[in-house]
Amino acid sequence: MLRTITVGSCVSVQGTFEMQHDDGRVSVRVDGRLFVGRPVTRKAD
């Protein structure tokens, strides 16, 4: 499943979901690299 996270103040990364951390952060994998950040919330309709 693809997930989008923010890393830092303005960098977004989209990759394959790896794991959910206890503090609310999410890990995603892109081309063999693992990124950790806050998940992007969906906009309400």
Protein backbone atom coordinates (compact mmCIF):
# COMPACT_ATOMS: atom_id res chain seq x y z
CA MET A 1 0.00 0.00 0.00
CA LEU A 2 1.35 3.43 -0.90
CA ARG A 3 1.52 6.05 1.84
CA THR A 4 2.60 9.69 1.81
CA ILE A 5 4.56 11.18 4.70
CA THR A 6 6.13 14.54 5.46
CA VAL A 7 9.80 14.61 6.36
CA GLY A 8 10.83 17.93 7.84
CA SER A 9 8.75 21.03 7.25
CA CYS A 10 8.07 20.84 3.52
CA VAL A 11 9.41 17.59 2.02
CA SER A 12 6.92 14.83 1.16
CA VAL A 13 7.80 11.22 0.37
CA GLN A 14 5.49 8.60 -1.14
CA GLY A 15 6.42 4.95 -0.85
CA THR A 16 5.42 1.47 0.23
CA PHE A 17 4.13 1.28 3.80
CA GLU A 18 6.54 -0.53 6.16
CA MET A 19 5.34 0.08 9.72
CA GLN A 20 3.46 2.36 12.13
CA HIS A 21 5.48 3.60 15.13
CA ASP A 22 4.09 4.05 18.66
CA ASP A 23 4.56 7.84 18.46
CA GLY A 24 2.38 8.16 15.33
CA ARG A 25 5.16 8.27 12.74
CA VAL A 26 5.12 5.97 9.70
CA SER A 27 7.95 4.25 7.83
CA VAL A 28 7.84 3.95 4.03
CA ARG A 29 10.32 2.30 1.64
CA VAL A 30 11.41 3.93 -1.64
CA ASP A 31 14.00 2.23 -3.89
CA GLY A 32 15.52 0.33 -0.97
CA ARG A 33 15.70 3.38 1.33
CA LEU A 34 13.59 3.70 4.46
CA PHE A 35 12.03 7.07 5.35
CA VAL A 36 10.27 7.94 8.62
CA GLY A 37 7.88 10.84 9.04
CA ARG A 38 4.39 12.02 9.87
CA PRO A 39 1.55 10.68 7.72
CA VAL A 40 -0.26 13.14 5.46
CA THR A 41 -3.89 13.41 6.52
CA ARG A 42 -6.65 13.21 3.96
CA LYS A 43 -8.68 16.31 3.25
CA ALA A 44 -12.29 16.04 4.38
CA ASP A 45 -14.92 16.21 1.63
